[in-house]
Every structure is written in structure tokens, then in C-alpha cells.
Amino acid sequence: MKNILKFVLVTVASIVAINPANAQWTGPKSKPTKEVEVKYGPLTPPHRTDADMEAFRSYGLGQFIHWGIYSIAGNEWNGISARGGAAASEWIRSWSGPTAPKDWTKTYDNLYKQFNPKNFDAKRWAKQAKDMGAKYVIFTTKHHDGFALWPTKYSDYNVSASPYKKDIVKQIVDAYTAEGIDVYLYFSILEWNNPNYMGKAPKTDEEKEKFSKFLTYTRNQLLEQLDNYPKIKGFWFDGTWDASWKSAYEFTYNLEKELREKHPGLIIGSRFRNDEHGSRHFDSNGNILGDYEQGWERKLPAEFEWLNGNDWDAVMTIPPNGWGYMKDWSGIYTKTTDDLLDMLMRSVSMNGNFVLNFGPDGNGNMHPEEDKIAKEIGEWIKINAEAVYGVRHAALTPSKLGYFTQKDDNLYLTVFNQPINGIVRIAVPKNAKLVPGTAALLVNSKNLGLKQADIGLDLDKNTYYDVVLPKDFRPNKAFVIKMKLVVPKAKAAKLMDAKM
């Protein structure tokens, strides 16, 4: 699996060379060489220290739920797959090409008349998320199709017009909050079937008037959500890339300010808006627009330094780009529990959160494979939670064996690649003020042998500590070694450099 991840990162790096516009999410971000005046820049400091943001940094694992009327279709219709005609299952309304059903848009826009998820139980979902180990959930209140899962006063296209009728968002907020899981609401700005929405920047007076109505409508819905669901912790915005939204930078700046004033502590990612020069996620001087980097979607940073100290999370699907419900998972690679645990620990080792997506069906049931993965992740985290939650990046040379995390004087190494000789070698800078003093397995608290191994490589800035695994230790999943950091008893010997 390490080779697969390496291949992905190498492939992504090659994309940067082709498309520099994407470089901010696939490589190190460079600060502009010349500072420009920015009036509509960040509204919050780059590294908030309040309790809400500190909680965000300690989540570790989150759950994303994509649910709406697209779940009825399940990425197909009348036995015909939409894989070749729609970008993703929740984008199925945009299905085009030779496989698209006749009058498909009209058919889709009437699916709300069938939306009656008889098996939906928010408490069951929340209990599953709790057992999996999720500390926060991001829930789709409205996707690009514009169908709202709450009884909004500002649109007739909402759950109250469906056979189900009841407020789904309220049930989610109440159930997850009761389980101690923080709730973030996903909100799409873009609406395909809204007559006042447009992709291009409005030019004529008529277009400006229409789009002004849309902006007011968007503001009303967001304030309505804050009124209806005061327990939420933040918003996760989507569909903010069109020229129309980008042209409304003054409006979006003031809207963010209003949302934050109404709900102190609110957490908003970098995806919400742009500055007056059109820079999204980061303003034209490279300062983050929001509380955390929201661009790591189905990708992970290759190096900790790429993040420049910003908070971040990675949202990830199980099937490739499979967000909404997909009936058919055949013929595509779906991530295993081992894949996802690797991505989780890679994320937390770089001070990020990992958010795993679930796409329930039209009846309110998770996909059977999602149920299986949630159970397996939960079983693993129950044993290894200490290495996952509230931990920070450990300033050590990255290990080929797995990922380091740290909490105070406790160092954790989650091992995904068990060494064949049974020795876990850890590289520690020779000038380190703290070094491993004891080691134990987290799974059973069994103490492990630990010895220094200064192998004397010329110009080597590290010394080494070897943790010896029991000969009969044969795990079938990644495992965690917990080490207590202590002041070194002696400095590493200074050797004469080889003369050439």
C-alpha cells in the first residue's frame, strides 16, 4: 500500500508541472514575492487558540455524509450506470451523453416526490459514528441540486414537500450532539435549478438584479440554519468556484463576518470565499481565508512542511470519487480498512483530521461495505485511540515503517510495515533534547526491549533507537508502539569525518 500511496503522490506531483494553478493543493505553497493591498482578506487570525479551534485540532477522525434525493438513483437509472455520464453519484442530475435517460433533468427534479427514507434513524447513524471513533460529522444540508433537507422558509424545494416531510438536519444535529460528536453543516452555494443562479459574473442590470436575489436567498438560508441549529460548530462550503460567486467578494466578506458575529466560535474552512483579486482559499498575499485548509479532497500532503503551520483536514471517499450512494461498487477499486487507517494516521501525524465519507441509500441505510469498514475502524481505534486523538506532529525523521504522533512526552509509532527482522529502528536527531526511554505495545501494554544503535554513518545527523518486537508477535493490522521520551543519558559520540 505504501507503494500505491507513493505512486499517487508522484502522479500528483507531475500534475503540478502541467497545471500550476492546482499547485497549492499538490505541492508546497510559495508566498507571493510582492505584497499587494487586500481589503477583503482574512477575518480571523491564522492560528486560532480558542476552545472550539483547539477541539478541531484534536478530532483525528471525522465522518462525512452525502445524502439527498440523488440517493434514490444510486448512480444509475433503470439498470443503466451513470458512471460514464456524470462526474459523481451526487452529480447525477448533470448526467449527459448517449447513456443519459430521456428528459433526465425533469425526471431527477421530480425525485423528491419519492423521497421517503423509511429506515432512516439519525440515532442509529450517530451510534455507528461513535463506535467508529468519529469526533465530528459533516452533513449535507443541500447539495448542488438545491434540494434542502430542512424545511427552509426560503425555498419550496425542500424535505417538507417530500413524502418524508420531517426535518432531517435537526435529527442529525440532535442525534450526533447527544453522542458527543460535533456537527458541521455542508452547504452548497451553487444551485443548478435556481433561476437566479448563474455561473458567469453578472454584467447587465438584469443579471445583477437576479444574482443579488440569489445572494440574499443564500444569506437567508445560512442565517436560518444558525437560528434552527445553534449547536453546530461550523460550516463546510462547496460550489464556490464559479465566476458569479467570486465576483461577490464584498458580499461574501460581510456575510462571513455576520455569520461569525451571530455564532461566536464558528469554524469555517478556506473554501467559502475569495479576495477582490479572485484568490480563493488563500488571499493574494498567501494568507489563509478561513480557519483551516479545506482543499485536501481525496488527496494528502506528501510532506508536513507543505502545510505552513495551517490547520487542515482531508475528506476521503471509499470508492473513487464516490460521495453519494452508489448501488454498484463492482469493477472499481474500493479502499480497504487498512488503506483508510493508513490515511488516517498519515493525516494526524501531520496535524490534520481525516474525514471518511458515507453515502446512505434512499431508504436511509448505509452501504453494507460502509457498515463493515466502520466496524473494523472502530475496533482498531478502540485499542489505539491514544495515538489518534489530541496528538500532534512529532519532529522526527519520517519512518518507512509507519507514522509518528506525539502527546506531551509520549511518542507513538503506528507501524504499518512490520520489519522482517523484528527490530523497529527509529532515527532521532543527535541534538534531540528528548529521546525514547521505554517502549511498549499499545495493544497489550507489553514492555519491549529498547537500545541505542549509533551505527556511525559519516555525516549522519541522527542516532538510532531500536525497539525489539516479541518473536511471537504476529499482528494482522497496524499496531502502535508507545514510547516515553526522556532526557538522553549521554550525547551521541562525535566521530571524525572521513577525509577524501
Foldseek 3Di string as FASTA:
>chain_A
DVVVQVVVLVVLVVVCVVPVVCCLQNHADDFDPDDDDFPLAAPDDQADDDPLSLQQLFQLEAAEEDEDLLLAQQQHDPPQHQVVFAPESVRCLRGDDDRQDPPSVVVSLPSLQVQAQQPAQLLVVLVLCVLLRGQAYEYEQADQQGEGLAPDPLDPRYNCPYPNNHRPVVRNLVNNVVSNHAYEYEDELHHDPQPLDDQAADDDPVNVVSVVVSLVSVLSVLVVCCVVRVRHQEYEYDNCQGNNNQCPSVSQSVSVVVSCVSRPNYFYAQQRYETNVSDGQAYNRRRGHTQAHEPQEQHDHPDLVSRVPGEYEYEYEQWVNHAARHPDPPPTHGDALQRQVQVSQVQQLSSYHYYYHWHAHSNNHTDPRVSVSSNVSSVVCVQVVVQRGPWHHDPFDDDPQGGWTDDDQKIKGWGAHQDPVQKDKGWDFLPDQKDFDWKAWSNPRHTWDKDWAQPDDAPDRTTIIITGHDPPDDDPHTTMMMTGIDGDPDGDDDDDHDDD
